[in-house]
Amino acid sequence: EVQKGVAVEPSEPRTKSGLYWGFQTRLAKSLKAVFEECPFGRYDLTIGTSERGEVLGLGRLPKFQHLLVAFGGLGGFEEVI
């Protein structure tokens, strides 16, 4: 069965249907813009993924309100900075 959908504003599922997806995404022109254009002023916690990084369990994360998770490419996160 084929189902059709339509793109909507990111806030629509929350405001019209009371649904919360748990995260938001946005495009940025550069890594610097990710931080400078933060819609919350700043991120409480920033995590970058890398095969050379330190493994953190959920119990080791500090409390936060605004988390940024940045995914590195094939060369790891180090390749983009």
PDB file of N, CA and C in Angstrom:
ATOM      1  N   GLU A   1       0.839  -1.181   0.000  1.00  0.00           N
ATOM      2  CA  GLU A   1       0.000   0.000   0.000  1.00  0.00           C
ATOM      3  C   GLU A   1       0.883   1.243   0.000  1.00  0.00           C
ATOM      4  N   VAL A   2       0.617   2.165  -0.875  1.00  0.00           N
ATOM      5  CA  VAL A   2       1.373   3.405  -0.980  1.00  0.00           C
ATOM      6  C   VAL A   2       0.680   4.476  -0.136  1.00  0.00           C
ATOM      7  N   GLN A   3       1.471   5.135   0.691  1.00  0.00           N
ATOM      8  CA  GLN A   3       0.931   6.246   1.480  1.00  0.00           C
ATOM      9  C   GLN A   3       1.636   7.516   1.041  1.00  0.00           C
ATOM     10  N   LYS A   4       0.896   8.584   0.927  1.00  0.00           N
ATOM     11  CA  LYS A   4       1.465   9.865   0.520  1.00  0.00           C
ATOM     12  C   LYS A   4       1.545  10.796   1.720  1.00  0.00           C
ATOM     13  N   GLY A   5       2.554  11.633   1.712  1.00  0.00           N
ATOM     14  CA  GLY A   5       2.719  12.604   2.777  1.00  0.00           C
ATOM     15  C   GLY A   5       3.055  13.964   2.207  1.00  0.00           C
ATOM     16  N   VAL A   6       3.033  14.941   3.053  1.00  0.00           N
ATOM     17  CA  VAL A   6       3.377  16.303   2.651  1.00  0.00           C
ATOM     18  C   VAL A   6       4.340  16.876   3.687  1.00  0.00           C
ATOM     19  N   ALA A   7       5.288  17.654   3.213  1.00  0.00           N
ATOM     20  CA  ALA A   7       6.213  18.331   4.123  1.00  0.00           C
ATOM     21  C   ALA A   7       5.465  19.438   4.863  1.00  0.00           C
ATOM     22  N   VAL A   8       5.725  19.547   6.150  1.00  0.00           N
ATOM     23  CA  VAL A   8       5.095  20.575   6.976  1.00  0.00           C
ATOM     24  C   VAL A   8       6.173  21.286   7.790  1.00  0.00           C
ATOM     25  N   GLU A   9       5.812  22.378   8.399  1.00  0.00           N
ATOM     26  CA  GLU A   9       6.731  23.093   9.285  1.00  0.00           C
ATOM     27  C   GLU A   9       7.133  22.157  10.431  1.00  0.00           C
ATOM     28  N   PRO A  10       8.379  22.250  10.924  1.00  0.00           N
ATOM     29  CA  PRO A  10       8.825  21.364  11.997  1.00  0.00           C
ATOM     30  C   PRO A  10       7.963  21.429  13.256  1.00  0.00           C
ATOM     31  N   SER A  11       7.342  22.566  13.516  1.00  0.00           N
ATOM     32  CA  SER A  11       6.533  22.704  14.736  1.00  0.00           C
ATOM     33  C   SER A  11       5.126  22.125  14.592  1.00  0.00           C
ATOM     34  N   GLU A  12       4.688  21.830  13.366  1.00  0.00           N
ATOM     35  CA  GLU A  12       3.299  21.398  13.163  1.00  0.00           C
ATOM     36  C   GLU A  12       2.909  20.118  13.898  1.00  0.00           C
ATOM     37  N   PRO A  13       3.712  19.054  13.915  1.00  0.00           N
ATOM     38  CA  PRO A  13       3.294  17.863  14.657  1.00  0.00           C
ATOM     39  C   PRO A  13       3.053  18.159  16.139  1.00  0.00           C
ATOM     40  N   ARG A  14       3.841  19.052  16.709  1.00  0.00           N
ATOM     41  CA  ARG A  14       3.693  19.401  18.125  1.00  0.00           C
ATOM     42  C   ARG A  14       2.490  20.300  18.349  1.00  0.00           C
ATOM     43  N   THR A  15       2.347  21.349  17.535  1.00  0.00           N
ATOM     44  CA  THR A  15       1.291  22.326  17.783  1.00  0.00           C
ATOM     45  C   THR A  15      -0.091  21.835  17.364  1.00  0.00           C
ATOM     46  N   LYS A  16      -0.195  21.074  16.285  1.00  0.00           N
ATOM     47  CA  LYS A  16      -1.508  20.625  15.805  1.00  0.00           C
ATOM     48  C   LYS A  16      -1.924  19.265  16.332  1.00  0.00           C
ATOM     49  N   SER A  17      -0.946  18.391  16.569  1.00  0.00           N
ATOM     50  CA  SER A  17      -1.286  17.028  16.972  1.00  0.00           C
ATOM     51  C   SER A  17      -0.786  16.654  18.365  1.00  0.00           C
ATOM     52  N   GLY A  18      -0.016  17.544  18.985  1.00  0.00           N
ATOM     53  CA  GLY A  18       0.510  17.242  20.314  1.00  0.00           C
ATOM     54  C   GLY A  18       1.611  16.198  20.303  1.00  0.00           C
ATOM     55  N   LEU A  19       2.258  15.990  19.161  1.00  0.00           N
ATOM     56  CA  LEU A  19       3.329  15.003  19.051  1.00  0.00           C
ATOM     57  C   LEU A  19       4.683  15.677  19.224  1.00  0.00           C
ATOM     58  N   TYR A  20       5.596  14.995  19.877  1.00  0.00           N
ATOM     59  CA  TYR A  20       6.944  15.523  20.063  1.00  0.00           C
ATOM     60  C   TYR A  20       7.938  14.470  19.584  1.00  0.00           C
ATOM     61  N   TRP A  21       8.769  14.807  18.620  1.00  0.00           N
ATOM     62  CA  TRP A  21       9.710  13.851  18.055  1.00  0.00           C
ATOM     63  C   TRP A  21      10.965  13.709  18.902  1.00  0.00           C
ATOM     64  N   GLY A  22      11.201  14.617  19.797  1.00  0.00           N
ATOM     65  CA  GLY A  22      12.348  14.502  20.686  1.00  0.00           C
ATOM     66  C   GLY A  22      13.599  15.214  20.216  1.00  0.00           C
ATOM     67  N   PHE A  23      13.588  15.744  18.999  1.00  0.00           N
ATOM     68  CA  PHE A  23      14.769  16.438  18.512  1.00  0.00           C
ATOM     69  C   PHE A  23      14.383  17.377  17.378  1.00  0.00           C
ATOM     70  N   GLN A  24      15.293  18.275  17.086  1.00  0.00           N
ATOM     71  CA  GLN A  24      15.129  19.169  15.942  1.00  0.00           C
ATOM     72  C   GLN A  24      16.410  19.116  15.126  1.00  0.00           C
ATOM     73  N   THR A  25      16.296  19.314  13.852  1.00  0.00           N
ATOM     74  CA  THR A  25      17.474  19.399  13.001  1.00  0.00           C
ATOM     75  C   THR A  25      17.459  20.739  12.273  1.00  0.00           C
ATOM     76  N   ARG A  26      18.634  21.176  11.846  1.00  0.00           N
ATOM     77  CA  ARG A  26      18.722  22.388  11.042  1.00  0.00           C
ATOM     78  C   ARG A  26      19.986  22.326  10.206  1.00  0.00           C
ATOM     79  N   LEU A  27      19.979  23.060   9.125  1.00  0.00           N
ATOM     80  CA  LEU A  27      21.149  23.153   8.259  1.00  0.00           C
ATOM     81  C   LEU A  27      21.961  24.378   8.649  1.00  0.00           C
ATOM     82  N   ALA A  28      23.263  24.256   8.564  1.00  0.00           N
ATOM     83  CA  ALA A  28      24.141  25.384   8.834  1.00  0.00           C
ATOM     84  C   ALA A  28      25.156  25.469   7.697  1.00  0.00           C
ATOM     85  N   LYS A  29      25.572  26.695   7.382  1.00  0.00           N
ATOM     86  CA  LYS A  29      26.505  26.898   6.274  1.00  0.00           C
ATOM     87  C   LYS A  29      27.916  26.424   6.595  1.00  0.00           C
ATOM     88  N   SER A  30      28.256  26.371   7.884  1.00  0.00           N
ATOM     89  CA  SER A  30      29.601  25.954   8.285  1.00  0.00           C
ATOM     90  C   SER A  30      29.545  25.438   9.713  1.00  0.00           C
ATOM     91  N   LEU A  31      30.627  24.812  10.151  1.00  0.00           N
ATOM     92  CA  LEU A  31      30.700  24.343  11.534  1.00  0.00           C
ATOM     93  C   LEU A  31      30.636  25.526  12.495  1.00  0.00           C
ATOM     94  N   LYS A  32      31.262  26.619  12.132  1.00  0.00           N
ATOM     95  CA  LYS A  32      31.228  27.824  12.961  1.00  0.00           C
ATOM     96  C   LYS A  32      29.788  28.328  13.102  1.00  0.00           C
ATOM     97  N   ALA A  33      29.018  28.280  12.019  1.00  0.00           N
ATOM     98  CA  ALA A  33      27.632  28.743  12.044  1.00  0.00           C
ATOM     99  C   ALA A  33      26.754  27.862  12.929  1.00  0.00           C
ATOM    100  N   VAL A  34      27.122  26.599  13.080  1.00  0.00           N
ATOM    101  CA  VAL A  34      26.358  25.705  13.964  1.00  0.00           C
ATOM    102  C   VAL A  34      26.288  26.316  15.360  1.00  0.00           C
ATOM    103  N   PHE A  35      27.399  26.846  15.832  1.00  0.00           N
ATOM    104  CA  PHE A  35      27.454  27.406  17.181  1.00  0.00           C
ATOM    105  C   PHE A  35      26.974  28.856  17.220  1.00  0.00           C
ATOM    106  N   GLU A  36      27.368  29.654  16.238  1.00  0.00           N
ATOM    107  CA  GLU A  36      27.017  31.072  16.246  1.00  0.00           C
ATOM    108  C   GLU A  36      25.532  31.314  16.020  1.00  0.00           C
ATOM    109  N   GLU A  37      24.860  30.421  15.307  1.00  0.00           N
ATOM    110  CA  GLU A  37      23.437  30.594  15.009  1.00  0.00           C
ATOM    111  C   GLU A  37      22.555  29.690  15.862  1.00  0.00           C
ATOM    112  N   CYS A  38      23.046  29.312  17.016  1.00  0.00           N
ATOM    113  CA  CYS A  38      22.282  28.453  17.918  1.00  0.00           C
ATOM    114  C   CYS A  38      20.973  29.134  18.300  1.00  0.00           C
ATOM    115  N   PRO A  39      19.825  28.492  18.065  1.00  0.00           N
ATOM    116  CA  PRO A  39      18.541  29.122  18.370  1.00  0.00           C
ATOM    117  C   PRO A  39      18.274  29.275  19.872  1.00  0.00           C
ATOM    118  N   PHE A  40      19.103  28.657  20.710  1.00  0.00           N
ATOM    119  CA  PHE A  40      18.909  28.722  22.162  1.00  0.00           C
ATOM    120  C   PHE A  40      19.915  29.637  22.838  1.00  0.00           C
ATOM    121  N   GLY A  41      20.716  30.342  22.059  1.00  0.00           N
ATOM    122  CA  GLY A  41      21.780  31.161  22.624  1.00  0.00           C
ATOM    123  C   GLY A  41      23.079  30.375  22.652  1.00  0.00           C
ATOM    124  N   ARG A  42      23.040  29.214  23.295  1.00  0.00           N
ATOM    125  CA  ARG A  42      24.186  28.299  23.309  1.00  0.00           C
ATOM    126  C   ARG A  42      23.705  26.903  23.681  1.00  0.00           C
ATOM    127  N   TYR A  43      24.532  25.909  23.377  1.00  0.00           N
ATOM    128  CA  TYR A  43      24.232  24.533  23.745  1.00  0.00           C
ATOM    129  C   TYR A  43      24.849  24.231  25.107  1.00  0.00           C
ATOM    130  N   ASP A  44      24.108  23.541  25.955  1.00  0.00           N
ATOM    131  CA  ASP A  44      24.628  23.135  27.268  1.00  0.00           C
ATOM    132  C   ASP A  44      25.673  22.032  27.134  1.00  0.00           C
ATOM    133  N   LEU A  45      25.459  21.163  26.150  1.00  0.00           N
ATOM    134  CA  LEU A  45      26.336  20.016  25.969  1.00  0.00           C
ATOM    135  C   LEU A  45      26.514  19.758  24.477  1.00  0.00           C
ATOM    136  N   THR A  46      27.747  19.545  24.059  1.00  0.00           N
ATOM    137  CA  THR A  46      28.046  19.257  22.661  1.00  0.00           C
ATOM    138  C   THR A  46      28.803  17.937  22.589  1.00  0.00           C
ATOM    139  N   ILE A  47      28.349  17.045  21.709  1.00  0.00           N
ATOM    140  CA  ILE A  47      28.998  15.752  21.517  1.00  0.00           C
ATOM    141  C   ILE A  47      29.310  15.592  20.041  1.00  0.00           C
ATOM    142  N   GLY A  48      30.544  15.225  19.734  1.00  0.00           N
ATOM    143  CA  GLY A  48      30.942  14.926  18.370  1.00  0.00           C
ATOM    144  C   GLY A  48      31.321  13.457  18.278  1.00  0.00           C
ATOM    145  N   THR A  49      30.914  12.799  17.210  1.00  0.00           N
ATOM    146  CA  THR A  49      31.215  11.378  17.067  1.00  0.00           C
ATOM    147  C   THR A  49      32.527  11.170  16.333  1.00  0.00           C
ATOM    148  N   SER A  50      33.259  10.151  16.757  1.00  0.00           N
ATOM    149  CA  SER A  50      34.519   9.799  16.115  1.00  0.00           C
ATOM    150  C   SER A  50      34.913   8.406  16.575  1.00  0.00           C
ATOM    151  N   GLU A  51      35.512   7.647  15.680  1.00  0.00           N
ATOM    152  CA  GLU A  51      35.994   6.326  16.088  1.00  0.00           C
ATOM    153  C   GLU A  51      37.172   6.449  17.043  1.00  0.00           C
ATOM    154  N   ARG A  52      37.795   7.625  17.119  1.00  0.00           N
ATOM    155  CA  ARG A  52      38.923   7.849  18.009  1.00  0.00           C
ATOM    156  C   ARG A  52      38.515   8.543  19.307  1.00  0.00           C
ATOM    157  N   GLY A  53      37.222   8.703  19.522  1.00  0.00           N
ATOM    158  CA  GLY A  53      36.731   9.400  20.703  1.00  0.00           C
ATOM    159  C   GLY A  53      36.596   8.497  21.909  1.00  0.00           C
ATOM    160  N   GLU A  54      36.192   9.084  22.998  1.00  0.00           N
ATOM    161  CA  GLU A  54      35.989   8.381  24.255  1.00  0.00           C
ATOM    162  C   GLU A  54      34.545   7.887  24.326  1.00  0.00           C
ATOM    163  N   VAL A  55      34.362   6.662  24.738  1.00  0.00           N
ATOM    164  CA  VAL A  55      33.025   6.097  24.870  1.00  0.00           C
ATOM    165  C   VAL A  55      32.421   6.595  26.186  1.00  0.00           C
ATOM    166  N   LEU A  56      31.237   7.182  26.090  1.00  0.00           N
ATOM    167  CA  LEU A  56      30.540   7.671  27.282  1.00  0.00           C
ATOM    168  C   LEU A  56      29.244   6.904  27.454  1.00  0.00           C
ATOM    169  N   GLY A  57      29.007   6.420  28.634  1.00  0.00           N
ATOM    170  CA  GLY A  57      27.715   5.818  28.936  1.00  0.00           C
ATOM    171  C   GLY A  57      26.727   6.916  29.286  1.00  0.00           C
ATOM    172  N   LEU A  58      25.456   6.639  29.169  1.00  0.00           N
ATOM    173  CA  LEU A  58      24.440   7.650  29.474  1.00  0.00           C
ATOM    174  C   LEU A  58      24.539   8.153  30.907  1.00  0.00           C
ATOM    175  N   GLY A  59      24.995   7.324  31.813  1.00  0.00           N
ATOM    176  CA  GLY A  59      25.137   7.732  33.211  1.00  0.00           C
ATOM    177  C   GLY A  59      26.214   8.768  33.425  1.00  0.00           C
ATOM    178  N   ARG A  60      27.128   8.916  32.479  1.00  0.00           N
ATOM    179  CA  ARG A  60      28.227   9.879  32.615  1.00  0.00           C
ATOM    180  C   ARG A  60      27.905  11.231  32.012  1.00  0.00           C
ATOM    181  N   LEU A  61      26.750  11.366  31.376  1.00  0.00           N
ATOM    182  CA  LEU A  61      26.391  12.653  30.774  1.00  0.00           C
ATOM    183  C   LEU A  61      25.863  13.604  31.842  1.00  0.00           C
ATOM    184  N   PRO A  62      26.323  14.855  31.823  1.00  0.00           N
ATOM    185  CA  PRO A  62      25.771  15.831  32.765  1.00  0.00           C
ATOM    186  C   PRO A  62      24.349  16.215  32.349  1.00  0.00           C
ATOM    187  N   LYS A  63      23.622  16.834  33.241  1.00  0.00           N
ATOM    188  CA  LYS A  63      22.275  17.305  32.906  1.00  0.00           C
ATOM    189  C   LYS A  63      22.382  18.447  31.898  1.00  0.00           C
ATOM    190  N   PHE A  64      21.427  18.505  30.986  1.00  0.00           N
ATOM    191  CA  PHE A  64      21.449  19.538  29.966  1.00  0.00           C
ATOM    192  C   PHE A  64      20.027  19.823  29.512  1.00  0.00           C
ATOM    193  N   GLN A  65      19.858  20.981  28.866  1.00  0.00           N
ATOM    194  CA  GLN A  65      18.585  21.330  28.243  1.00  0.00           C
ATOM    195  C   GLN A  65      18.707  21.321  26.728  1.00  0.00           C
ATOM    196  N   HIS A  66      19.863  21.746  26.222  1.00  0.00           N
ATOM    197  CA  HIS A  66      20.068  21.849  24.781  1.00  0.00           C
ATOM    198  C   HIS A  66      21.349  21.111  24.400  1.00  0.00           C
ATOM    199  N   LEU A  67      21.182  19.988  23.722  1.00  0.00           N
ATOM    200  CA  LEU A  67      22.288  19.124  23.332  1.00  0.00           C
ATOM    201  C   LEU A  67      22.522  19.228  21.831  1.00  0.00           C
ATOM    202  N   LEU A  68      23.777  19.312  21.443  1.00  0.00           N
ATOM    203  CA  LEU A  68      24.150  19.270  20.031  1.00  0.00           C
ATOM    204  C   LEU A  68      24.933  17.990  19.807  1.00  0.00           C
ATOM    205  N   VAL A  69      24.489  17.169  18.867  1.00  0.00           N
ATOM    206  CA  VAL A  69      25.224  15.976  18.465  1.00  0.00           C
ATOM    207  C   VAL A  69      25.682  16.201  17.033  1.00  0.00           C
ATOM    208  N   ALA A  70      26.984  16.170  16.822  1.00  0.00           N
ATOM    209  CA  ALA A  70      27.553  16.376  15.487  1.00  0.00           C
ATOM    210  C   ALA A  70      28.158  15.063  15.015  1.00  0.00           C
ATOM    211  N   PHE A  71      27.736  14.621  13.837  1.00  0.00           N
ATOM    212  CA  PHE A  71      28.208  13.362  13.280  1.00  0.00           C
ATOM    213  C   PHE A  71      29.327  13.620  12.288  1.00  0.00           C
ATOM    214  N   GLY A  72      30.452  12.966  12.481  1.00  0.00           N
ATOM    215  CA  GLY A  72      31.571  13.093  11.567  1.00  0.00           C
ATOM    216  C   GLY A  72      31.354  12.235  10.330  1.00  0.00           C
ATOM    217  N   GLY A  73      32.142  12.494   9.317  1.00  0.00           N
ATOM    218  CA  GLY A  73      32.063  11.712   8.078  1.00  0.00           C
ATOM    219  C   GLY A  73      32.907  10.451   8.177  1.00  0.00           C
ATOM    220  N   LEU A  74      33.247   9.890   7.045  1.00  0.00           N
ATOM    221  CA  LEU A  74      34.041   8.663   7.019  1.00  0.00           C
ATOM    222  C   LEU A  74      35.406   8.850   7.666  1.00  0.00           C
ATOM    223  N   GLY A  75      35.960  10.048   7.554  1.00  0.00           N
ATOM    224  CA  GLY A  75      37.258  10.340   8.144  1.00  0.00           C
ATOM    225  C   GLY A  75      37.166  10.747   9.609  1.00  0.00           C
ATOM    226  N   GLY A  76      35.977  10.649  10.199  1.00  0.00           N
ATOM    227  CA  GLY A  76      35.782  11.062  11.578  1.00  0.00           C
ATOM    228  C   GLY A  76      35.463  12.541  11.686  1.00  0.00           C
ATOM    229  N   PHE A  77      35.134  12.951  12.861  1.00  0.00           N
ATOM    230  CA  PHE A  77      34.792  14.348  13.098  1.00  0.00           C
ATOM    231  C   PHE A  77      35.996  15.255  12.912  1.00  0.00           C
ATOM    232  N   GLU A  78      37.183  14.713  13.174  1.00  0.00           N
ATOM    233  CA  GLU A  78      38.406  15.504  13.037  1.00  0.00           C
ATOM    234  C   GLU A  78      38.591  16.041  11.628  1.00  0.00           C
ATOM    235  N   GLU A  79      38.062  15.344  10.629  1.00  0.00           N
ATOM    236  CA  GLU A  79      38.232  15.756   9.246  1.00  0.00           C
ATOM    237  C   GLU A  79      37.505  17.063   8.926  1.00  0.00           C
ATOM    238  N   VAL A  80      36.454  17.367   9.657  1.00  0.00           N
ATOM    239  CA  VAL A  80      35.675  18.578   9.349  1.00  0.00           C
ATOM    240  C   VAL A  80      36.142  19.799  10.123  1.00  0.00           C
ATOM    241  N   ILE A  81      37.010  19.606  11.126  1.00  0.00           N
ATOM    242  CA  ILE A  81      37.486  20.770  11.884  1.00  0.00           C
ATOM    243  C   ILE A  81      38.891  21.117  11.586  1.00  0.00           C
TER     244      ILE A  81
END
